[in-house]
Amino acid sequence: MSTLNIHDAKTHFSRLVDRVGAGESVVIAKAGRPVAKLVPLSASDAPAKRIGFLAGAFAVPADFDTMGQAEIERQFGGA
């Protein structure tokens, strides 16, 4: 595990991310004192995909865009 100061980490951030992505852990120090640790994400650490997580949980009625139209017209004097 290597240690870099903040300036070097900012200057070489893309390379640093490549190294961490390849499995290396890196400590970032401020004024010589370790303050952060970059470690590679494992597949289990990655955020879960949430698209479609409610699929099939409910149905949108076919008349969704006109639901309550009579009541709205009554309250607002619609045309």
C-alpha atoms as a PDB file:
ATOM      1  CA  MET A   1       0.000   0.000   0.000  1.00  0.00           C
ATOM      2  CA  SER A   2       1.474   3.342  -1.022  1.00  0.00           C
ATOM      3  CA  THR A   3       1.004   6.772   0.564  1.00  0.00           C
ATOM      4  CA  LEU A   4       0.611  10.003  -1.399  1.00  0.00           C
ATOM      5  CA  ASN A   5       0.168  13.571  -0.270  1.00  0.00           C
ATOM      6  CA  ILE A   6      -2.962  15.437  -1.349  1.00  0.00           C
ATOM      7  CA  HIS A   7      -1.140  17.499  -3.973  1.00  0.00           C
ATOM      8  CA  ASP A   8       0.213  14.390  -5.709  1.00  0.00           C
ATOM      9  CA  ALA A   9      -3.186  12.681  -5.478  1.00  0.00           C
ATOM     10  CA  LYS A  10      -4.892  15.668  -7.140  1.00  0.00           C
ATOM     11  CA  THR A  11      -2.201  15.984  -9.800  1.00  0.00           C
ATOM     12  CA  HIS A  12      -2.272  12.296 -10.751  1.00  0.00           C
ATOM     13  CA  PHE A  13      -5.870  11.430  -9.890  1.00  0.00           C
ATOM     14  CA  SER A  14      -6.646   9.513 -13.103  1.00  0.00           C
ATOM     15  CA  ARG A  15      -3.554   7.348 -12.731  1.00  0.00           C
ATOM     16  CA  LEU A  16      -4.342   6.854  -9.053  1.00  0.00           C
ATOM     17  CA  VAL A  17      -7.844   5.615  -9.881  1.00  0.00           C
ATOM     18  CA  ASP A  18      -6.369   3.215 -12.448  1.00  0.00           C
ATOM     19  CA  ARG A  19      -4.002   1.805  -9.821  1.00  0.00           C
ATOM     20  CA  VAL A  20      -6.811   1.369  -7.303  1.00  0.00           C
ATOM     21  CA  GLY A  21      -9.008  -0.197  -9.973  1.00  0.00           C
ATOM     22  CA  ALA A  22      -6.237  -2.713 -10.589  1.00  0.00           C
ATOM     23  CA  GLY A  23      -6.418  -3.786  -6.947  1.00  0.00           C
ATOM     24  CA  GLU A  24      -3.935  -1.538  -5.142  1.00  0.00           C
ATOM     25  CA  SER A  25      -4.907   0.402  -2.002  1.00  0.00           C
ATOM     26  CA  VAL A  26      -3.598   3.935  -1.557  1.00  0.00           C
ATOM     27  CA  VAL A  27      -3.424   6.156   1.522  1.00  0.00           C
ATOM     28  CA  ILE A  28      -3.732   9.914   1.071  1.00  0.00           C
ATOM     29  CA  ALA A  29      -1.954  12.100   3.613  1.00  0.00           C
ATOM     30  CA  LYS A  30      -2.279  15.750   4.562  1.00  0.00           C
ATOM     31  CA  ALA A  31       0.833  17.324   6.071  1.00  0.00           C
ATOM     32  CA  GLY A  32       2.273  13.817   6.410  1.00  0.00           C
ATOM     33  CA  ARG A  33      -0.705  12.533   8.411  1.00  0.00           C
ATOM     34  CA  PRO A  34      -2.918   9.837   6.786  1.00  0.00           C
ATOM     35  CA  VAL A  35      -6.468  11.124   6.294  1.00  0.00           C
ATOM     36  CA  ALA A  36      -8.038   8.865   3.663  1.00  0.00           C
ATOM     37  CA  LYS A  37      -7.682   5.450   2.112  1.00  0.00           C
ATOM     38  CA  LEU A  38      -8.671   4.546  -1.438  1.00  0.00           C
ATOM     39  CA  VAL A  39      -9.532   0.907  -1.897  1.00  0.00           C
ATOM     40  CA  PRO A  40     -10.960  -0.988  -4.875  1.00  0.00           C
ATOM     41  CA  LEU A  41     -14.691  -1.671  -4.920  1.00  0.00           C
ATOM     42  CA  SER A  42     -15.704  -5.283  -5.008  1.00  0.00           C
ATOM     43  CA  ALA A  43     -18.776  -6.348  -6.968  1.00  0.00           C
ATOM     44  CA  SER A  44     -20.731  -6.652  -3.709  1.00  0.00           C
ATOM     45  CA  ASP A  45     -19.832  -3.052  -2.736  1.00  0.00           C
ATOM     46  CA  ALA A  46     -21.199  -1.566  -5.938  1.00  0.00           C
ATOM     47  CA  PRO A  47     -24.601   0.098  -5.655  1.00  0.00           C
ATOM     48  CA  ALA A  48     -27.485  -2.092  -6.750  1.00  0.00           C
ATOM     49  CA  LYS A  49     -29.267  -1.203  -9.966  1.00  0.00           C
ATOM     50  CA  ARG A  50     -32.670   0.208  -9.104  1.00  0.00           C
ATOM     51  CA  ILE A  51     -34.228   0.593 -12.546  1.00  0.00           C
ATOM     52  CA  GLY A  52     -37.366  -1.507 -12.742  1.00  0.00           C
ATOM     53  CA  PHE A  53     -37.391  -2.475  -9.058  1.00  0.00           C
ATOM     54  CA  LEU A  54     -41.180  -1.867  -8.863  1.00  0.00           C
ATOM     55  CA  ALA A  55     -42.013  -3.684 -12.101  1.00  0.00           C
ATOM     56  CA  GLY A  56     -45.325  -5.451 -11.719  1.00  0.00           C
ATOM     57  CA  ALA A  57     -46.052  -3.893  -8.315  1.00  0.00           C
ATOM     58  CA  PHE A  58     -48.862  -1.709  -9.666  1.00  0.00           C
ATOM     59  CA  ALA A  59     -50.680  -0.870 -12.878  1.00  0.00           C
ATOM     60  CA  VAL A  60     -51.411   2.523 -14.401  1.00  0.00           C
ATOM     61  CA  PRO A  61     -55.048   2.739 -15.542  1.00  0.00           C
ATOM     62  CA  ALA A  62     -55.659   3.301 -19.259  1.00  0.00           C
ATOM     63  CA  ASP A  63     -57.629   6.492 -18.488  1.00  0.00           C
ATOM     64  CA  PHE A  64     -54.897   7.923 -16.248  1.00  0.00           C
ATOM     65  CA  ASP A  65     -54.636  11.167 -18.211  1.00  0.00           C
ATOM     66  CA  THR A  66     -58.376  11.883 -17.902  1.00  0.00           C
ATOM     67  CA  MET A  67     -59.025  10.622 -14.366  1.00  0.00           C
ATOM     68  CA  GLY A  68     -61.022  13.131 -12.331  1.00  0.00           C
ATOM     69  CA  GLN A  69     -61.655  15.317 -15.367  1.00  0.00           C
ATOM     70  CA  ALA A  70     -65.335  15.871 -14.512  1.00  0.00           C
ATOM     71  CA  GLU A  71     -64.470  16.929 -10.952  1.00  0.00           C
ATOM     72  CA  ILE A  72     -61.727  19.265 -12.171  1.00  0.00           C
ATOM     73  CA  GLU A  73     -64.109  20.861 -14.659  1.00  0.00           C
ATOM     74  CA  ARG A  74     -66.755  21.230 -11.941  1.00  0.00           C
ATOM     75  CA  GLN A  75     -64.328  22.929  -9.542  1.00  0.00           C
ATOM     76  CA  PHE A  76     -62.631  25.170 -12.052  1.00  0.00           C
ATOM     77  CA  GLY A  77     -65.490  25.839 -14.478  1.00  0.00           C
ATOM     78  CA  GLY A  78     -63.704  24.139 -17.353  1.00  0.00           C
ATOM     79  CA  ALA A  79     -64.827  24.229 -20.912  1.00  0.00           C
END
